[in-house]
Structures are given as C-alpha cells and as structure tokens.
Amino acid sequence: MADIKSEVTVINKSAEHIYNFLADFNNFEKLMPEQVKNWHSTSDTCSFEISGIGKIMLKIVEKTPFTKIVMVPDAGTKIPFTFELISNLSPITDNTSEVVMRIDADMPAMISMMASKPLQNLVNILASKLKEYMEK
C-alpha cells in the first residue's frame, strides 16, 4: 500500500470554509493541474482525463464535517490500481487550518515505481492550489 502525502499546508481560512469548498466537486476543477482535460462534475462525482493516464472518475464516499473527505474511483475509471484521495483538515485557530492531501493506493510494485512521483506531484499541486485559491 502506497501512502503518498502532500506537504502540510497552512491555509488562512477556517477548517469549515475549506471543508465546504472541498466537499463539492464542482469547486475541485480550480485545483486541478493543467494536464487535466474534459472536466465534468456534480457535487459528489467528477470525471476527467489526464494525458498518458486516461479517464478518471471519482466519487465522494465519506465526509466527516470540517476534518476529512474521502474520494475513490467510480465505475468507468480505467487505471490498474485502486486508491483513495483523502483531504485531511485540522484547525489551528478559528481562521487558520492545516491541510494534508493524501493518496492511499493499492498498486503492484512495478506500477508504484512509475506512479509514485506523478501522484506525489498531484497531491502537492492540489494542496498548493487550494492554499492559493483560498487566500486570494
């Protein structure tokens, strides 16, 4: 099991504010890297394509108010491993929070060697774009 975590990102917003943003996939497109194409979303599902990887469909399966959101691949995702994309939020003060984006992936060692760096880049991009968007 690969556990890939973003850097701990401190954001000058409340955990509730960040949670409400992340809990709706319609907001998530603003955080995606430029390689993401053909974005479609509802509040609980999204689909998109990444060149070289293919189509990915996600759904939110767990929401713990103001602390955690868990997303997993939905039917139609054509990648050779399973994973969870987890957003962990921790309030520091009323208007400051720590965020860690995490991917827990169950993938064969060969795929892990190829996918770990791109997945690490993805969680770091998501966390930094979240900070950028929340603080503008």
C-alpha atoms as a PDB file:
ATOM      1  CA  MET A   1       0.000   0.000   0.000  1.00  0.00           C
ATOM      2  CA  ALA A   2       1.477   3.327  -1.052  1.00  0.00           C
ATOM      3  CA  ASP A   3       0.755   6.256   1.251  1.00  0.00           C
ATOM      4  CA  ILE A   4       1.547   9.465  -0.611  1.00  0.00           C
ATOM      5  CA  LYS A   5       1.114  12.729   1.298  1.00  0.00           C
ATOM      6  CA  SER A   6       1.347  16.369   0.322  1.00  0.00           C
ATOM      7  CA  GLU A   7       3.372  18.773   2.375  1.00  0.00           C
ATOM      8  CA  VAL A   8       1.455  20.050   5.402  1.00  0.00           C
ATOM      9  CA  THR A   9      -0.117  23.244   4.066  1.00  0.00           C
ATOM     10  CA  VAL A  10      -1.216  26.035   6.392  1.00  0.00           C
ATOM     11  CA  ILE A  11      -4.151  28.000   4.960  1.00  0.00           C
ATOM     12  CA  ASN A  12      -5.509  31.236   6.380  1.00  0.00           C
ATOM     13  CA  LYS A  13      -9.141  30.079   6.390  1.00  0.00           C
ATOM     14  CA  SER A  14     -11.295  28.129   8.828  1.00  0.00           C
ATOM     15  CA  ALA A  15     -11.454  24.341   8.518  1.00  0.00           C
ATOM     16  CA  GLU A  16     -15.214  24.733   7.943  1.00  0.00           C
ATOM     17  CA  HIS A  17     -14.655  27.085   4.986  1.00  0.00           C
ATOM     18  CA  ILE A  18     -12.061  24.771   3.389  1.00  0.00           C
ATOM     19  CA  TYR A  19     -14.208  21.689   4.047  1.00  0.00           C
ATOM     20  CA  ASN A  20     -17.263  23.257   2.404  1.00  0.00           C
ATOM     21  CA  PHE A  21     -15.174  24.072  -0.675  1.00  0.00           C
ATOM     22  CA  LEU A  22     -13.614  20.594  -0.949  1.00  0.00           C
ATOM     23  CA  ALA A  23     -16.883  18.748  -0.234  1.00  0.00           C
ATOM     24  CA  ASP A  24     -18.285  19.895  -3.609  1.00  0.00           C
ATOM     25  CA  PHE A  25     -16.576  18.510  -6.732  1.00  0.00           C
ATOM     26  CA  ASN A  26     -17.880  21.498  -8.702  1.00  0.00           C
ATOM     27  CA  ASN A  27     -15.153  23.504  -6.907  1.00  0.00           C
ATOM     28  CA  PHE A  28     -12.414  20.926  -7.426  1.00  0.00           C
ATOM     29  CA  GLU A  29     -11.671  21.853 -11.047  1.00  0.00           C
ATOM     30  CA  LYS A  30      -9.967  25.033  -9.780  1.00  0.00           C
ATOM     31  CA  LEU A  31      -7.337  22.826  -8.080  1.00  0.00           C
ATOM     32  CA  MET A  32      -6.533  20.528 -10.971  1.00  0.00           C
ATOM     33  CA  PRO A  33      -3.177  20.635 -12.774  1.00  0.00           C
ATOM     34  CA  GLU A  34      -3.107  21.851 -16.363  1.00  0.00           C
ATOM     35  CA  GLN A  35      -2.781  18.272 -17.704  1.00  0.00           C
ATOM     36  CA  VAL A  36      -6.412  17.621 -16.709  1.00  0.00           C
ATOM     37  CA  LYS A  37      -8.834  17.831 -19.641  1.00  0.00           C
ATOM     38  CA  ASN A  38     -12.562  17.235 -20.217  1.00  0.00           C
ATOM     39  CA  TRP A  39     -13.649  18.036 -16.655  1.00  0.00           C
ATOM     40  CA  HIS A  40     -17.249  17.184 -15.708  1.00  0.00           C
ATOM     41  CA  SER A  41     -18.671  17.315 -12.185  1.00  0.00           C
ATOM     42  CA  THR A  42     -21.661  17.166  -9.889  1.00  0.00           C
ATOM     43  CA  SER A  43     -21.385  17.936  -6.187  1.00  0.00           C
ATOM     44  CA  ASP A  44     -20.443  14.292  -5.369  1.00  0.00           C
ATOM     45  CA  THR A  45     -18.820  12.975  -8.576  1.00  0.00           C
ATOM     46  CA  CYS A  46     -16.367  14.095 -11.217  1.00  0.00           C
ATOM     47  CA  SER A  47     -14.687  12.756 -14.329  1.00  0.00           C
ATOM     48  CA  PHE A  48     -11.673  13.998 -16.244  1.00  0.00           C
ATOM     49  CA  GLU A  49      -8.854  12.841 -18.469  1.00  0.00           C
ATOM     50  CA  ILE A  50      -5.125  13.049 -17.930  1.00  0.00           C
ATOM     51  CA  SER A  51      -2.960  12.527 -20.991  1.00  0.00           C
ATOM     52  CA  GLY A  52      -0.884   9.403 -20.623  1.00  0.00           C
ATOM     53  CA  ILE A  53      -3.148   8.026 -17.882  1.00  0.00           C
ATOM     54  CA  GLY A  54      -6.674   8.086 -19.301  1.00  0.00           C
ATOM     55  CA  LYS A  55     -10.126   8.765 -17.907  1.00  0.00           C
ATOM     56  CA  ILE A  56     -10.600   9.005 -14.161  1.00  0.00           C
ATOM     57  CA  MET A  57     -13.983   9.135 -12.451  1.00  0.00           C
ATOM     58  CA  LEU A  58     -14.185   9.923  -8.732  1.00  0.00           C
ATOM     59  CA  LYS A  59     -16.950   9.931  -6.155  1.00  0.00           C
ATOM     60  CA  ILE A  60     -17.038  11.213  -2.588  1.00  0.00           C
ATOM     61  CA  VAL A  61     -17.695   8.296  -0.225  1.00  0.00           C
ATOM     62  CA  GLU A  62     -17.024   9.853   3.170  1.00  0.00           C
ATOM     63  CA  LYS A  63     -17.480  13.311   4.630  1.00  0.00           C
ATOM     64  CA  THR A  64     -16.525  13.998   8.230  1.00  0.00           C
ATOM     65  CA  PRO A  65     -17.521  17.635   8.778  1.00  0.00           C
ATOM     66  CA  PHE A  66     -14.598  20.018   8.860  1.00  0.00           C
ATOM     67  CA  THR A  67     -11.900  17.298   9.185  1.00  0.00           C
ATOM     68  CA  LYS A  68     -11.933  14.720   6.362  1.00  0.00           C
ATOM     69  CA  ILE A  69     -13.227  13.974   2.857  1.00  0.00           C
ATOM     70  CA  VAL A  70     -12.557  10.659   1.105  1.00  0.00           C
ATOM     71  CA  MET A  71     -12.835  10.188  -2.659  1.00  0.00           C
ATOM     72  CA  VAL A  72     -12.489   6.894  -4.563  1.00  0.00           C
ATOM     73  CA  PRO A  73     -12.567   5.839  -8.216  1.00  0.00           C
ATOM     74  CA  ASP A  74     -16.054   5.390  -9.621  1.00  0.00           C
ATOM     75  CA  ALA A  75     -17.103   2.776 -12.172  1.00  0.00           C
ATOM     76  CA  GLY A  76     -15.543   3.623 -15.518  1.00  0.00           C
ATOM     77  CA  THR A  77     -12.088   4.521 -14.196  1.00  0.00           C
ATOM     78  CA  LYS A  78      -9.557   2.604 -16.245  1.00  0.00           C
ATOM     79  CA  ILE A  79      -6.402   2.505 -14.141  1.00  0.00           C
ATOM     80  CA  PRO A  80      -4.678  -0.671 -12.928  1.00  0.00           C
ATOM     81  CA  PHE A  81      -4.907   0.016  -9.188  1.00  0.00           C
ATOM     82  CA  THR A  82      -7.325   1.159  -6.505  1.00  0.00           C
ATOM     83  CA  PHE A  83      -6.833   4.261  -4.416  1.00  0.00           C
ATOM     84  CA  GLU A  84      -8.400   6.778  -2.060  1.00  0.00           C
ATOM     85  CA  LEU A  85      -7.799  10.519  -2.319  1.00  0.00           C
ATOM     86  CA  ILE A  86      -8.157  11.901   1.191  1.00  0.00           C
ATOM     87  CA  SER A  87      -8.321  15.529   2.315  1.00  0.00           C
ATOM     88  CA  ASN A  88      -7.396  15.888   5.993  1.00  0.00           C
ATOM     89  CA  LEU A  89      -8.146  19.213   7.692  1.00  0.00           C
ATOM     90  CA  SER A  90      -7.001  20.332  11.135  1.00  0.00           C
ATOM     91  CA  PRO A  91      -7.956  23.693  12.627  1.00  0.00           C
ATOM     92  CA  ILE A  92      -5.067  25.647  14.147  1.00  0.00           C
ATOM     93  CA  THR A  93      -7.105  28.735  15.083  1.00  0.00           C
ATOM     94  CA  ASP A  94     -10.587  29.924  14.118  1.00  0.00           C
ATOM     95  CA  ASN A  95      -9.211  31.276  10.824  1.00  0.00           C
ATOM     96  CA  THR A  96      -6.174  29.087  10.162  1.00  0.00           C
ATOM     97  CA  SER A  97      -6.061  25.402   9.244  1.00  0.00           C
ATOM     98  CA  GLU A  98      -3.598  22.700   8.257  1.00  0.00           C
ATOM     99  CA  VAL A  99      -4.409  20.646   5.184  1.00  0.00           C
ATOM    100  CA  VAL A 100      -2.803  17.410   4.021  1.00  0.00           C
ATOM    101  CA  MET A 101      -3.881  15.818   0.741  1.00  0.00           C
ATOM    102  CA  ARG A 102      -3.175  12.092   0.686  1.00  0.00           C
ATOM    103  CA  ILE A 103      -3.416   9.198  -1.746  1.00  0.00           C
ATOM    104  CA  ASP A 104      -3.598   5.683  -0.323  1.00  0.00           C
ATOM    105  CA  ALA A 105      -3.072   3.400  -3.302  1.00  0.00           C
ATOM    106  CA  ASP A 106      -3.039  -0.366  -3.549  1.00  0.00           C
ATOM    107  CA  MET A 107      -0.792  -0.983  -6.538  1.00  0.00           C
ATOM    108  CA  PRO A 108       1.788  -3.533  -7.656  1.00  0.00           C
ATOM    109  CA  ALA A 109       5.447  -2.629  -7.035  1.00  0.00           C
ATOM    110  CA  MET A 110       6.149  -2.088 -10.744  1.00  0.00           C
ATOM    111  CA  ILE A 111       3.294   0.403 -11.092  1.00  0.00           C
ATOM    112  CA  SER A 112       4.251   2.038  -7.792  1.00  0.00           C
ATOM    113  CA  MET A 113       7.734   2.787  -9.161  1.00  0.00           C
ATOM    114  CA  MET A 114       6.227   4.566 -12.172  1.00  0.00           C
ATOM    115  CA  ALA A 115       3.225   6.218 -10.488  1.00  0.00           C
ATOM    116  CA  SER A 116       4.603   7.411  -7.136  1.00  0.00           C
ATOM    117  CA  LYS A 117       6.306  10.565  -8.417  1.00  0.00           C
ATOM    118  CA  PRO A 118       3.323  11.767 -10.555  1.00  0.00           C
ATOM    119  CA  LEU A 119       0.953  11.042  -7.650  1.00  0.00           C
ATOM    120  CA  GLN A 120       3.250  12.928  -5.249  1.00  0.00           C
ATOM    121  CA  ASN A 121       3.231  15.867  -7.655  1.00  0.00           C
ATOM    122  CA  LEU A 122      -0.573  15.691  -7.856  1.00  0.00           C
ATOM    123  CA  VAL A 123      -1.161  15.908  -4.088  1.00  0.00           C
ATOM    124  CA  ASN A 124       1.374  18.748  -3.785  1.00  0.00           C
ATOM    125  CA  ILE A 125      -0.329  20.660  -6.631  1.00  0.00           C
ATOM    126  CA  LEU A 126      -3.773  20.127  -5.062  1.00  0.00           C
ATOM    127  CA  ALA A 127      -2.565  21.424  -1.678  1.00  0.00           C
ATOM    128  CA  SER A 128      -0.714  24.443  -3.074  1.00  0.00           C
ATOM    129  CA  LYS A 129      -3.553  25.419  -5.431  1.00  0.00           C
ATOM    130  CA  LEU A 130      -6.027  25.065  -2.559  1.00  0.00           C
ATOM    131  CA  LYS A 131      -3.945  27.499  -0.468  1.00  0.00           C
ATOM    132  CA  GLU A 132      -3.607  29.868  -3.414  1.00  0.00           C
ATOM    133  CA  TYR A 133      -7.345  29.805  -4.155  1.00  0.00           C
ATOM    134  CA  MET A 134      -8.456  30.094  -0.506  1.00  0.00           C
ATOM    135  CA  GLU A 135      -6.165  33.028   0.262  1.00  0.00           C
ATOM    136  CA  LYS A 136      -6.745  35.195  -2.804  1.00  0.00           C
END
